[in-house]
C-alpha cells in the first residue's frame, strides 16, 4: 500500500507539474524541476528501504509534523 501511494504521488506530480513547466520558461518552474527531482530521488530511496525492510518510522517526529500541519503552523 505504501509503495502504491508513493508511486501515485510521483505520477500525480508528473501529471500536474511537468505540462505546466513545459509551457512556460519561468525560473520558478526550473526550481520546481529541481525540487521534483530531489523528491523523486527521496521517494526512490524510501522505496528501496521499505523493500529491504530497513525503513524505520520515527513516530515522535511524524506526529509532531502532523500536529503542526493540522494547527496550520
PDB file of N, CA and C in Angstrom:
ATOM      1  N   UNK A   1       0.812  -1.183   0.000  1.00  0.00           N
ATOM      2  CA  UNK A   1       0.000   0.000   0.000  1.00  0.00           C
ATOM      3  C   UNK A   1       0.863   1.258   0.000  1.00  0.00           C
ATOM      4  N   UNK A   2       1.919   1.274   0.823  1.00  0.00           N
ATOM      5  CA  UNK A   2       2.804   2.439   0.868  1.00  0.00           C
ATOM      6  C   UNK A   2       3.468   2.630  -0.480  1.00  0.00           C
ATOM      7  N   UNK A   3       3.924   1.542  -1.084  1.00  0.00           N
ATOM      8  CA  UNK A   3       4.589   1.635  -2.384  1.00  0.00           C
ATOM      9  C   UNK A   3       3.640   2.222  -3.424  1.00  0.00           C
ATOM     10  N   UNK A   4       2.393   1.775  -3.419  1.00  0.00           N
ATOM     11  CA  UNK A   4       1.412   2.293  -4.369  1.00  0.00           C
ATOM     12  C   UNK A   4       1.164   3.779  -4.144  1.00  0.00           C
ATOM     13  N   UNK A   5       1.086   4.200  -2.885  1.00  0.00           N
ATOM     14  CA  UNK A   5       0.876   5.615  -2.590  1.00  0.00           C
ATOM     15  C   UNK A   5       2.060   6.453  -3.042  1.00  0.00           C
ATOM     16  N   UNK A   6       3.284   5.957  -2.843  1.00  0.00           N
ATOM     17  CA  UNK A   6       4.469   6.682  -3.285  1.00  0.00           C
ATOM     18  C   UNK A   6       4.485   6.802  -4.802  1.00  0.00           C
ATOM     19  N   UNK A   7       4.186   5.714  -5.489  1.00  0.00           N
ATOM     20  CA  UNK A   7       4.163   5.751  -6.950  1.00  0.00           C
ATOM     21  C   UNK A   7       3.059   6.674  -7.444  1.00  0.00           C
ATOM     22  N   UNK A   8       1.921   6.647  -6.805  1.00  0.00           N
ATOM     23  CA  UNK A   8       0.804   7.506  -7.193  1.00  0.00           C
ATOM     24  C   UNK A   8       1.174   8.971  -6.996  1.00  0.00           C
ATOM     25  N   UNK A   9       1.879   9.261  -5.905  1.00  0.00           N
ATOM     26  CA  UNK A   9       2.311  10.628  -5.622  1.00  0.00           C
ATOM     27  C   UNK A   9       3.230  11.139  -6.726  1.00  0.00           C
ATOM     28  N   UNK A  10       4.168  10.322  -7.152  1.00  0.00           N
ATOM     29  CA  UNK A  10       5.090  10.722  -8.222  1.00  0.00           C
ATOM     30  C   UNK A  10       4.321  10.907  -9.524  1.00  0.00           C
ATOM     31  N   UNK A  11       3.402  10.006  -9.815  1.00  0.00           N
ATOM     32  CA  UNK A  11       2.620  10.118 -11.045  1.00  0.00           C
ATOM     33  C   UNK A  11       1.787  11.403 -11.055  1.00  0.00           C
ATOM     34  N   UNK A  12       1.187  11.748  -9.920  1.00  0.00           N
ATOM     35  CA  UNK A  12       0.382  12.962  -9.838  1.00  0.00           C
ATOM     36  C   UNK A  12       1.249  14.208  -9.999  1.00  0.00           C
ATOM     37  N   UNK A  13       2.427  14.199  -9.389  1.00  0.00           N
ATOM     38  CA  UNK A  13       3.333  15.335  -9.559  1.00  0.00           C
ATOM     39  C   UNK A  13       3.708  15.490 -11.014  1.00  0.00           C
ATOM     40  N   UNK A  14       4.028  14.380 -11.656  1.00  0.00           N
ATOM     41  CA  UNK A  14       4.396  14.436 -13.073  1.00  0.00           C
ATOM     42  C   UNK A  14       3.232  14.943 -13.921  1.00  0.00           C
ATOM     43  N   UNK A  15       2.042  14.532 -13.579  1.00  0.00           N
ATOM     44  CA  UNK A  15       0.864  14.919 -14.336  1.00  0.00           C
ATOM     45  C   UNK A  15       0.588  16.414 -14.229  1.00  0.00           C
ATOM     46  N   UNK A  16       0.715  16.953 -13.027  1.00  0.00           N
ATOM     47  CA  UNK A  16       0.345  18.348 -12.811  1.00  0.00           C
ATOM     48  C   UNK A  16       1.492  19.338 -12.970  1.00  0.00           C
ATOM     49  N   UNK A  17       2.712  18.946 -12.706  1.00  0.00           N
ATOM     50  CA  UNK A  17       3.822  19.897 -12.752  1.00  0.00           C
ATOM     51  C   UNK A  17       4.515  19.960 -14.110  1.00  0.00           C
ATOM     52  N   UNK A  18       4.738  18.858 -14.737  1.00  0.00           N
ATOM     53  CA  UNK A  18       5.503  18.865 -15.982  1.00  0.00           C
ATOM     54  C   UNK A  18       4.814  19.592 -17.124  1.00  0.00           C
ATOM     55  N   UNK A  19       3.550  19.332 -17.397  1.00  0.00           N
ATOM     56  CA  UNK A  19       2.952  20.067 -18.524  1.00  0.00           C
ATOM     57  C   UNK A  19       2.989  21.579 -18.317  1.00  0.00           C
ATOM     58  N   UNK A  20       2.786  22.042 -17.111  1.00  0.00           N
ATOM     59  CA  UNK A  20       2.825  23.468 -16.818  1.00  0.00           C
ATOM     60  C   UNK A  20       4.225  24.018 -17.067  1.00  0.00           C
ATOM     61  N   UNK A  21       5.241  23.292 -16.640  1.00  0.00           N
ATOM     62  CA  UNK A  21       6.611  23.771 -16.789  1.00  0.00           C
ATOM     63  C   UNK A  21       7.073  23.727 -18.242  1.00  0.00           C
ATOM     64  N   UNK A  22       6.538  22.827 -19.016  1.00  0.00           N
ATOM     65  CA  UNK A  22       6.930  22.753 -20.420  1.00  0.00           C
ATOM     66  C   UNK A  22       6.360  23.925 -21.212  1.00  0.00           C
ATOM     67  N   UNK A  23       5.264  24.507 -20.746  1.00  0.00           N
ATOM     68  CA  UNK A  23       4.627  25.601 -21.462  1.00  0.00           C
ATOM     69  C   UNK A  23       5.259  26.951 -21.144  1.00  0.00           C
ATOM     70  N   UNK A  24       5.895  27.085 -19.966  1.00  0.00           N
ATOM     71  CA  UNK A  24       6.468  28.365 -19.573  1.00  0.00           C
ATOM     72  C   UNK A  24       7.960  28.230 -19.333  1.00  0.00           C
ATOM     73  N   UNK A  25       8.673  29.339 -19.455  1.00  0.00           N
ATOM     74  CA  UNK A  25      10.118  29.330 -19.237  1.00  0.00           C
ATOM     75  C   UNK A  25      10.505  30.046 -17.968  1.00  0.00           C
ATOM     76  N   UNK A  26       9.621  30.128 -17.032  1.00  0.00           N
ATOM     77  CA  UNK A  26       9.846  30.851 -15.792  1.00  0.00           C
ATOM     78  C   UNK A  26      10.933  30.176 -14.960  1.00  0.00           C
ATOM     79  N   UNK A  27      11.753  30.978 -14.245  1.00  0.00           N
ATOM     80  CA  UNK A  27      12.815  30.407 -13.419  1.00  0.00           C
ATOM     81  C   UNK A  27      12.244  29.644 -12.233  1.00  0.00           C
ATOM     82  N   UNK A  28      11.068  30.041 -11.766  1.00  0.00           N
ATOM     83  CA  UNK A  28      10.449  29.310 -10.665  1.00  0.00           C
ATOM     84  C   UNK A  28      10.121  27.888 -11.092  1.00  0.00           C
ATOM     85  N   UNK A  29       9.776  27.731 -12.356  1.00  0.00           N
ATOM     86  CA  UNK A  29       9.450  26.400 -12.866  1.00  0.00           C
ATOM     87  C   UNK A  29      10.702  25.530 -12.890  1.00  0.00           C
ATOM     88  N   UNK A  30      11.844  26.090 -13.253  1.00  0.00           N
ATOM     89  CA  UNK A  30      13.073  25.289 -13.269  1.00  0.00           C
ATOM     90  C   UNK A  30      13.437  24.869 -11.850  1.00  0.00           C
ATOM     91  N   UNK A  31      13.158  25.735 -10.865  1.00  0.00           N
ATOM     92  CA  UNK A  31      13.375  25.354  -9.476  1.00  0.00           C
ATOM     93  C   UNK A  31      12.443  24.217  -9.092  1.00  0.00           C
ATOM     94  N   UNK A  32      11.240  24.246  -9.611  1.00  0.00           N
ATOM     95  CA  UNK A  32      10.284  23.178  -9.341  1.00  0.00           C
ATOM     96  C   UNK A  32      10.802  21.858  -9.883  1.00  0.00           C
ATOM     97  N   UNK A  33      11.426  21.892 -11.066  1.00  0.00           N
ATOM     98  CA  UNK A  33      12.010  20.671 -11.627  1.00  0.00           C
ATOM     99  C   UNK A  33      13.082  20.119 -10.710  1.00  0.00           C
ATOM    100  N   UNK A  34      13.929  20.994 -10.171  1.00  0.00           N
ATOM    101  CA  UNK A  34      14.996  20.541  -9.268  1.00  0.00           C
ATOM    102  C   UNK A  34      14.388  19.932  -8.011  1.00  0.00           C
ATOM    103  N   UNK A  35      13.388  20.601  -7.451  1.00  0.00           N
ATOM    104  CA  UNK A  35      12.725  20.079  -6.253  1.00  0.00           C
ATOM    105  C   UNK A  35      12.035  18.756  -6.547  1.00  0.00           C
ATOM    106  N   UNK A  36      11.455  18.660  -7.721  1.00  0.00           N
ATOM    107  CA  UNK A  36      10.770  17.427  -8.121  1.00  0.00           C
ATOM    108  C   UNK A  36      11.775  16.282  -8.223  1.00  0.00           C
ATOM    109  N   UNK A  37      12.950  16.555  -8.772  1.00  0.00           N
ATOM    110  CA  UNK A  37      13.982  15.523  -8.900  1.00  0.00           C
ATOM    111  C   UNK A  37      14.456  15.076  -7.524  1.00  0.00           C
ATOM    112  N   UNK A  38      14.661  16.026  -6.622  1.00  0.00           N
ATOM    113  CA  UNK A  38      15.082  15.693  -5.262  1.00  0.00           C
ATOM    114  C   UNK A  38      14.013  14.848  -4.587  1.00  0.00           C
ATOM    115  N   UNK A  39      12.755  15.238  -4.739  1.00  0.00           N
ATOM    116  CA  UNK A  39      11.655  14.473  -4.142  1.00  0.00           C
ATOM    117  C   UNK A  39      11.586  13.074  -4.739  1.00  0.00           C
ATOM    118  N   UNK A  40      11.768  12.991  -6.045  1.00  0.00           N
ATOM    119  CA  UNK A  40      11.733  11.696  -6.716  1.00  0.00           C
ATOM    120  C   UNK A  40      12.880  10.802  -6.230  1.00  0.00           C
ATOM    121  N   UNK A  41      14.071  11.401  -6.048  1.00  0.00           N
ATOM    122  CA  UNK A  41      15.208  10.641  -5.526  1.00  0.00           C
ATOM    123  C   UNK A  41      14.925  10.150  -4.119  1.00  0.00           C
ATOM    124  N   UNK A  42      14.317  11.007  -3.308  1.00  0.00           N
ATOM    125  CA  UNK A  42      13.997  10.634  -1.928  1.00  0.00           C
ATOM    126  C   UNK A  42      12.946   9.521  -1.902  1.00  0.00           C
ATOM    127  N   UNK A  43      11.976   9.607  -2.781  1.00  0.00           N
ATOM    128  CA  UNK A  43      10.950   8.565  -2.868  1.00  0.00           C
ATOM    129  C   UNK A  43      11.588   7.239  -3.253  1.00  0.00           C
ATOM    130  N   UNK A  44      12.506   7.274  -4.202  1.00  0.00           N
ATOM    131  CA  UNK A  44      13.198   6.050  -4.609  1.00  0.00           C
ATOM    132  C   UNK A  44      13.994   5.464  -3.454  1.00  0.00           C
ATOM    133  N   UNK A  45      14.647   6.342  -2.705  1.00  0.00           N
ATOM    134  CA  UNK A  45      15.431   5.901  -1.553  1.00  0.00           C
ATOM    135  C   UNK A  45      14.539   5.236  -0.512  1.00  0.00           C
ATOM    136  N   UNK A  46      13.407   5.862  -0.211  1.00  0.00           N
ATOM    137  CA  UNK A  46      12.475   5.302   0.769  1.00  0.00           C
ATOM    138  C   UNK A  46      11.892   3.984   0.267  1.00  0.00           C
ATOM    139  N   UNK A  47      11.557   3.934  -1.018  1.00  0.00           N
ATOM    140  CA  UNK A  47      11.012   2.700  -1.600  1.00  0.00           C
ATOM    141  C   UNK A  47      12.004   1.550  -1.443  1.00  0.00           C
ATOM    142  N   UNK A  48      13.283   1.814  -1.710  1.00  0.00           N
ATOM    143  CA  UNK A  48      14.308   0.779  -1.568  1.00  0.00           C
ATOM    144  C   UNK A  48      14.434   0.326  -0.112  1.00  0.00           C
ATOM    145  N   UNK A  49      14.364   1.288   0.817  1.00  0.00           N
ATOM    146  CA  UNK A  49      14.453   0.939   2.229  1.00  0.00           C
ATOM    147  C   UNK A  49      13.263   0.095   2.664  1.00  0.00           C
ATOM    148  N   UNK A  50      12.077   0.418   2.185  1.00  0.00           N
ATOM    149  CA  UNK A  50      10.881  -0.351   2.536  1.00  0.00           C
ATOM    150  C   UNK A  50      11.009  -1.773   2.009  1.00  0.00           C
ATOM    151  N   UNK A  51      11.468  -1.904   0.768  1.00  0.00           N
ATOM    152  CA  UNK A  51      11.594  -3.230   0.175  1.00  0.00           C
ATOM    153  C   UNK A  51      12.642  -4.069   0.884  1.00  0.00           C
ATOM    154  N   UNK A  52      13.716  -3.431   1.369  1.00  0.00           N
ATOM    155  CA  UNK A  52      14.764  -4.177   2.064  1.00  0.00           C
ATOM    156  C   UNK A  52      14.426  -4.412   3.534  1.00  0.00           C
ATOM    157  N   UNK A  53      13.386  -3.732   4.027  1.00  0.00           N
ATOM    158  CA  UNK A  53      12.981  -3.906   5.415  1.00  0.00           C
ATOM    159  C   UNK A  53      13.757  -3.040   6.385  1.00  0.00           C
ATOM    160  N   UNK A  54      14.535  -2.085   5.886  1.00  0.00           N
ATOM    161  CA  UNK A  54      15.343  -1.251   6.766  1.00  0.00           C
ATOM    162  C   UNK A  54      14.721   0.116   7.050  1.00  0.00           C
ATOM    163  N   UNK A  55      13.537   0.388   6.505  1.00  0.00           N
ATOM    164  CA  UNK A  55      12.892   1.690   6.725  1.00  0.00           C
ATOM    165  C   UNK A  55      12.277   1.730   8.117  1.00  0.00           C
ATOM    166  N   UNK A  56      12.595   2.774   8.855  1.00  0.00           N
ATOM    167  CA  UNK A  56      12.059   2.958  10.202  1.00  0.00           C
ATOM    168  C   UNK A  56      11.257   4.253  10.242  1.00  0.00           C
ATOM    169  N   UNK A  57      10.122   4.206  10.924  1.00  0.00           N
ATOM    170  CA  UNK A  57       9.278   5.382  11.086  1.00  0.00           C
ATOM    171  C   UNK A  57       9.566   5.989  12.454  1.00  0.00           C
ATOM    172  N   UNK A  58       9.912   7.269  12.480  1.00  0.00           N
ATOM    173  CA  UNK A  58      10.111   7.992  13.731  1.00  0.00           C
ATOM    174  C   UNK A  58       8.757   8.564  14.134  1.00  0.00           C
ATOM    175  N   UNK A  59       8.066   7.853  15.025  1.00  0.00           N
ATOM    176  CA  UNK A  59       6.705   8.230  15.397  1.00  0.00           C
ATOM    177  C   UNK A  59       6.635   9.604  16.045  1.00  0.00           C
ATOM    178  N   UNK A  60       7.612   9.968  16.850  1.00  0.00           N
ATOM    179  CA  UNK A  60       7.594  11.275  17.501  1.00  0.00           C
ATOM    180  C   UNK A  60       7.705  12.387  16.462  1.00  0.00           C
ATOM    181  N   UNK A  61       8.651  12.258  15.552  1.00  0.00           N
ATOM    182  CA  UNK A  61       8.856  13.272  14.511  1.00  0.00           C
ATOM    183  C   UNK A  61       7.630  13.362  13.596  1.00  0.00           C
ATOM    184  N   UNK A  62       7.089  12.207  13.226  1.00  0.00           N
ATOM    185  CA  UNK A  62       5.921  12.173  12.351  1.00  0.00           C
ATOM    186  C   UNK A  62       4.709  12.810  13.021  1.00  0.00           C
ATOM    187  N   UNK A  63       4.472  12.473  14.282  1.00  0.00           N
ATOM    188  CA  UNK A  63       3.315  13.023  14.979  1.00  0.00           C
ATOM    189  C   UNK A  63       3.457  14.529  15.194  1.00  0.00           C
ATOM    190  N   UNK A  64       4.679  15.006  15.442  1.00  0.00           N
ATOM    191  CA  UNK A  64       4.901  16.439  15.601  1.00  0.00           C
ATOM    192  C   UNK A  64       4.580  17.187  14.296  1.00  0.00           C
ATOM    193  N   UNK A  65       5.051  16.643  13.176  1.00  0.00           N
ATOM    194  CA  UNK A  65       4.777  17.288  11.885  1.00  0.00           C
ATOM    195  C   UNK A  65       3.284  17.273  11.569  1.00  0.00           C
ATOM    196  N   UNK A  66       2.614  16.164  11.900  1.00  0.00           N
ATOM    197  CA  UNK A  66       1.171  16.084  11.644  1.00  0.00           C
ATOM    198  C   UNK A  66       0.419  17.113  12.498  1.00  0.00           C
ATOM    199  N   UNK A  67       0.814  17.234  13.763  1.00  0.00           N
ATOM    200  CA  UNK A  67       0.147  18.197  14.647  1.00  0.00           C
ATOM    201  C   UNK A  67       0.362  19.623  14.165  1.00  0.00           C
ATOM    202  N   UNK A  68       1.593  19.960  13.785  1.00  0.00           N
ATOM    203  CA  UNK A  68       1.879  21.306  13.266  1.00  0.00           C
ATOM    204  C   UNK A  68       1.084  21.593  11.989  1.00  0.00           C
ATOM    205  N   UNK A  69       0.992  20.584  11.151  1.00  0.00           N
ATOM    206  CA  UNK A  69       0.230  20.746   9.908  1.00  0.00           C
ATOM    207  C   UNK A  69      -1.255  20.984  10.196  1.00  0.00           C
ATOM    208  N   UNK A  70      -1.813  20.216  11.132  1.00  0.00           N
ATOM    209  CA  UNK A  70      -3.219  20.376  11.487  1.00  0.00           C
ATOM    210  C   UNK A  70      -3.496  21.731  12.129  1.00  0.00           C
ATOM    211  N   UNK A  71      -2.493  22.244  12.860  1.00  0.00           N
ATOM    212  CA  UNK A  71      -2.644  23.544  13.501  1.00  0.00           C
ATOM    213  C   UNK A  71      -2.352  24.706  12.557  1.00  0.00           C
ATOM    214  N   UNK A  72      -1.862  24.372  11.375  1.00  0.00           N
ATOM    215  CA  UNK A  72      -1.553  25.400  10.387  1.00  0.00           C
ATOM    216  C   UNK A  72      -0.282  26.170  10.702  1.00  0.00           C
ATOM    217  N   UNK A  73       0.626  25.551  11.417  1.00  0.00           N
ATOM    218  CA  UNK A  73       1.893  26.219  11.790  1.00  0.00           C
ATOM    219  C   UNK A  73       3.037  25.762  10.921  1.00  0.00           C
TER     220      UNK A  73
END
